[in-house]
C-alpha atoms as a PDB file:
ATOM      1  CA  MET A   1     -13.905  22.622  -4.312  1.00  0.00           C
ATOM      2  CA  PRO A   2     -10.658  24.381  -5.359  1.00  0.00           C
ATOM      3  CA  PRO A   3      -7.889  22.255  -6.860  1.00  0.00           C
ATOM      4  CA  ARG A   4      -5.565  20.698  -4.333  1.00  0.00           C
ATOM      5  CA  SER A   5      -1.945  21.806  -4.465  1.00  0.00           C
ATOM      6  CA  SER A   6       0.735  19.138  -4.703  1.00  0.00           C
ATOM      7  CA  VAL A   7       2.107  20.276  -1.315  1.00  0.00           C
ATOM      8  CA  ASP A   8      -1.317  19.840   0.294  1.00  0.00           C
ATOM      9  CA  ARG A   9      -1.721  16.428  -1.310  1.00  0.00           C
ATOM     10  CA  THR A  10       1.737  15.352  -0.169  1.00  0.00           C
ATOM     11  CA  LYS A  11       0.901  16.392   3.403  1.00  0.00           C
ATOM     12  CA  GLN A  12      -2.426  14.560   3.324  1.00  0.00           C
ATOM     13  CA  VAL A  13      -0.912  11.372   1.914  1.00  0.00           C
ATOM     14  CA  ASP A  14       1.882  11.584   4.478  1.00  0.00           C
ATOM     15  CA  ALA A  15      -0.704  11.877   7.266  1.00  0.00           C
ATOM     16  CA  VAL A  16      -2.470   8.723   6.049  1.00  0.00           C
ATOM     17  CA  LEU A  17       0.792   6.797   5.728  1.00  0.00           C
ATOM     18  CA  SER A  18       1.876   8.058   9.151  1.00  0.00           C
ATOM     19  CA  SER A  19      -1.340   6.728  10.700  1.00  0.00           C
ATOM     20  CA  LEU A  20      -0.576   3.321   9.202  1.00  0.00           C
ATOM     21  CA  THR A  21       3.049   3.268  10.377  1.00  0.00           C
ATOM     22  CA  ALA A  22       1.810   4.119  13.882  1.00  0.00           C
ATOM     23  CA  LEU A  23       0.114   0.711  14.047  1.00  0.00           C
ATOM     24  CA  ARG A  24       1.883  -2.018  16.002  1.00  0.00           C
ATOM     25  CA  GLY A  25       4.445  -3.820  13.871  1.00  0.00           C
ATOM     26  CA  VAL A  26       4.122  -1.638  10.764  1.00  0.00           C
ATOM     27  CA  THR A  27       7.577  -0.623   9.562  1.00  0.00           C
ATOM     28  CA  ALA A  28       6.671   1.018   6.240  1.00  0.00           C
ATOM     29  CA  ALA A  29       3.699   2.195   4.206  1.00  0.00           C
ATOM     30  CA  GLY A  30       3.818   3.620   0.717  1.00  0.00           C
ATOM     31  CA  VAL A  31       1.927   4.342  -2.464  1.00  0.00           C
ATOM     32  CA  ILE A  32       3.247   2.871  -5.712  1.00  0.00           C
ATOM     33  CA  ASP A  33       2.102   3.949  -9.170  1.00  0.00           C
ATOM     34  CA  ASN A  34       1.302   1.671 -12.120  1.00  0.00           C
ATOM     35  CA  ASP A  35       4.863   1.978 -13.446  1.00  0.00           C
ATOM     36  CA  GLY A  36       6.330   0.673 -10.182  1.00  0.00           C
ATOM     37  CA  PHE A  37       7.554   4.029  -8.903  1.00  0.00           C
ATOM     38  CA  VAL A  38       7.150   4.795  -5.213  1.00  0.00           C
ATOM     39  CA  VAL A  39       5.141   8.015  -5.136  1.00  0.00           C
ATOM     40  CA  GLN A  40       5.373   8.484  -1.377  1.00  0.00           C
ATOM     41  CA  ILE A  41       6.590   6.355   1.534  1.00  0.00           C
ATOM     42  CA  ARG A  42       6.918   6.433   5.326  1.00  0.00           C
ATOM     43  CA  ARG A  43       9.427   3.986   6.768  1.00  0.00           C
ATOM     44  CA  ASP A  44      11.608   3.367   9.774  1.00  0.00           C
ATOM     45  CA  PHE A  45      14.345   1.457   7.940  1.00  0.00           C
ATOM     46  CA  ASP A  46      16.482   1.909   4.844  1.00  0.00           C
ATOM     47  CA  ILE A  47      14.893   0.350   1.749  1.00  0.00           C
ATOM     48  CA  ASP A  48      15.587   0.363  -1.967  1.00  0.00           C
ATOM     49  CA  THR A  49      12.408   2.106  -3.101  1.00  0.00           C
ATOM     50  CA  ASP A  50      13.005   1.249  -6.772  1.00  0.00           C
ATOM     51  CA  ALA A  51      13.161  -2.468  -5.960  1.00  0.00           C
ATOM     52  CA  LEU A  52      10.155  -2.185  -3.663  1.00  0.00           C
ATOM     53  CA  GLY A  53       8.053  -0.433  -6.305  1.00  0.00           C
ATOM     54  CA  ALA A  54       8.945  -2.941  -9.002  1.00  0.00           C
ATOM     55  CA  GLY A  55       8.297  -5.875  -6.666  1.00  0.00           C
ATOM     56  CA  VAL A  56       4.937  -4.517  -5.595  1.00  0.00           C
ATOM     57  CA  GLN A  57       3.758  -4.128  -9.187  1.00  0.00           C
ATOM     58  CA  VAL A  58       4.960  -7.623 -10.130  1.00  0.00           C
ATOM     59  CA  ALA A  59       3.382  -9.248  -7.052  1.00  0.00           C
ATOM     60  CA  PHE A  60       0.085  -7.392  -7.369  1.00  0.00           C
ATOM     61  CA  GLY A  61      -0.077  -7.999 -11.115  1.00  0.00           C
ATOM     62  CA  ALA A  62       0.569 -11.727 -10.656  1.00  0.00           C
ATOM     63  CA  ALA A  63      -2.101 -11.994  -7.952  1.00  0.00           C
ATOM     64  CA  ALA A  64      -4.624 -10.111 -10.089  1.00  0.00           C
ATOM     65  CA  LYS A  65      -3.880 -12.372 -13.066  1.00  0.00           C
ATOM     66  CA  ALA A  66      -4.251 -15.516 -10.924  1.00  0.00           C
ATOM     67  CA  ALA A  67      -7.580 -14.261  -9.561  1.00  0.00           C
ATOM     68  CA  GLU A  68      -8.769 -13.470 -13.081  1.00  0.00           C
ATOM     69  CA  GLN A  69      -7.781 -16.923 -14.364  1.00  0.00           C
ATOM     70  CA  SER A  70      -9.582 -18.511 -11.405  1.00  0.00           C
ATOM     71  CA  ASN A  71     -12.770 -16.546 -12.104  1.00  0.00           C
ATOM     72  CA  LEU A  72     -12.580 -14.900  -8.676  1.00  0.00           C
ATOM     73  CA  GLY A  73     -12.985 -11.303  -9.831  1.00  0.00           C
ATOM     74  CA  GLY A  74     -10.660  -8.411  -9.093  1.00  0.00           C
ATOM     75  CA  SER A  75      -8.108  -8.459  -6.318  1.00  0.00           C
ATOM     76  CA  SER A  76      -9.089  -6.309  -3.360  1.00  0.00           C
ATOM     77  CA  LEU A  77      -6.126  -7.193  -1.135  1.00  0.00           C
ATOM     78  CA  VAL A  78      -2.973  -9.234  -1.602  1.00  0.00           C
ATOM     79  CA  LEU A  79      -1.175 -10.592   1.438  1.00  0.00           C
ATOM     80  CA  ILE A  80       2.389 -11.860   1.229  1.00  0.00           C
ATOM     81  CA  GLU A  81       3.460 -13.687   4.380  1.00  0.00           C
ATOM     82  CA  ASN A  82       7.173 -14.033   5.015  1.00  0.00           C
ATOM     83  CA  ASP A  83       9.383 -15.568   7.702  1.00  0.00           C
ATOM     84  CA  LEU A  84       9.786 -12.248   9.504  1.00  0.00           C
ATOM     85  CA  GLY A  85       6.547 -10.438   8.682  1.00  0.00           C
ATOM     86  CA  LEU A  86       4.167  -9.551   5.904  1.00  0.00           C
ATOM     87  CA  ILE A  87       3.499  -7.257   2.992  1.00  0.00           C
ATOM     88  CA  MET A  88      -0.068  -6.158   2.350  1.00  0.00           C
ATOM     89  CA  LEU A  89      -1.022  -4.691  -1.028  1.00  0.00           C
ATOM     90  CA  VAL A  90      -4.300  -2.835  -1.507  1.00  0.00           C
ATOM     91  CA  PRO A  91      -5.358  -1.438  -4.897  1.00  0.00           C
ATOM     92  CA  LEU A  92      -6.268   2.218  -5.200  1.00  0.00           C
ATOM     93  CA  THR A  93      -7.798   4.157  -8.079  1.00  0.00           C
ATOM     94  CA  ASN A  94      -5.833   4.848 -11.256  1.00  0.00           C
ATOM     95  CA  ASP A  95      -3.699   1.697 -10.803  1.00  0.00           C
ATOM     96  CA  PHE A  96      -1.967   2.933  -7.643  1.00  0.00           C
ATOM     97  CA  VAL A  97      -1.247   0.386  -4.915  1.00  0.00           C
ATOM     98  CA  LEU A  98      -0.968   0.922  -1.176  1.00  0.00           C
ATOM     99  CA  ALA A  99       1.860  -1.229   0.199  1.00  0.00           C
ATOM    100  CA  ILE A 100       2.203  -1.905   3.920  1.00  0.00           C
ATOM    101  CA  ILE A 101       5.188  -3.738   5.389  1.00  0.00           C
ATOM    102  CA  ALA A 102       4.956  -5.145   8.900  1.00  0.00           C
ATOM    103  CA  ASP A 103       6.889  -7.431  11.199  1.00  0.00           C
ATOM    104  CA  LYS A 104       5.518 -10.453  13.076  1.00  0.00           C
ATOM    105  CA  SER A 105       4.147  -8.323  15.915  1.00  0.00           C
ATOM    106  CA  ALA A 106       1.487  -6.768  13.639  1.00  0.00           C
ATOM    107  CA  MET A 107      -2.116  -7.720  14.245  1.00  0.00           C
ATOM    108  CA  LEU A 108      -3.393  -8.800  10.834  1.00  0.00           C
ATOM    109  CA  GLY A 109      -7.073  -8.029  11.490  1.00  0.00           C
ATOM    110  CA  ALA A 110      -6.362  -4.525  12.760  1.00  0.00           C
ATOM    111  CA  LEU A 111      -3.968  -3.868   9.902  1.00  0.00           C
ATOM    112  CA  ARG A 112      -6.495  -5.058   7.323  1.00  0.00           C
ATOM    113  CA  TYR A 113      -9.228  -2.918   8.890  1.00  0.00           C
ATOM    114  CA  GLU A 114      -7.080   0.232   9.021  1.00  0.00           C
ATOM    115  CA  ALA A 115      -5.846  -0.292   5.455  1.00  0.00           C
ATOM    116  CA  ARG A 116      -9.431  -0.502   4.213  1.00  0.00           C
ATOM    117  CA  GLN A 117     -10.340   2.644   6.158  1.00  0.00           C
ATOM    118  CA  CYS A 118      -7.553   4.563   4.356  1.00  0.00           C
ATOM    119  CA  VAL A 119      -8.587   3.562   0.837  1.00  0.00           C
ATOM    120  CA  PRO A 120     -11.382   6.126   0.285  1.00  0.00           C
ATOM    121  CA  GLU A 121      -9.181   9.033   1.376  1.00  0.00           C
ATOM    122  CA  LEU A 122      -6.211   7.859  -0.707  1.00  0.00           C
ATOM    123  CA  ASN A 123      -8.496   7.338  -3.701  1.00  0.00           C
ATOM    124  CA  GLN A 124      -9.620  10.960  -3.431  1.00  0.00           C
ATOM    125  CA  LEU A 125      -6.006  12.102  -3.311  1.00  0.00           C
ATOM    126  CA  PHE A 126      -4.992  10.107  -6.385  1.00  0.00           C
END
C-alpha cells in the first residue's frame, strides 16, 4: 500500500470526526496527541483548543493512573459527565486520544458504540 499523504489523512480523519459530530447531541469531536495538542477537530462552537487538549490529557492520564492503582487494567473509555453534557475520551494508538463533546440530548449508548466503531480506522490513520 503506498504511503498516505498528509492531505489524504486529514480528509479521512475529518470524515470520521464529521460522522461523530452528525450524531444527536454531539457538538465536537477531535483527536489530541500525547503532548495535549489538538491534531484535528470538528466543532459547532468556539473552543480554546489549547485548553481542551491540555484538559483531555490531564483527565485521561488521571483516569488511567486511577485504573492502574485499582488493578483494573488499562482505560478503554473515560466518561466525564457534566451539568450540561458529557465528554467521552477514547484512547487510540501512539498515545492519541479521541475526545467527543456532547450535550444532554446525546444518547450515551449510541455514542459509545459509534466511538468504538471509529477506533480501528483512526488507529490506522495515526
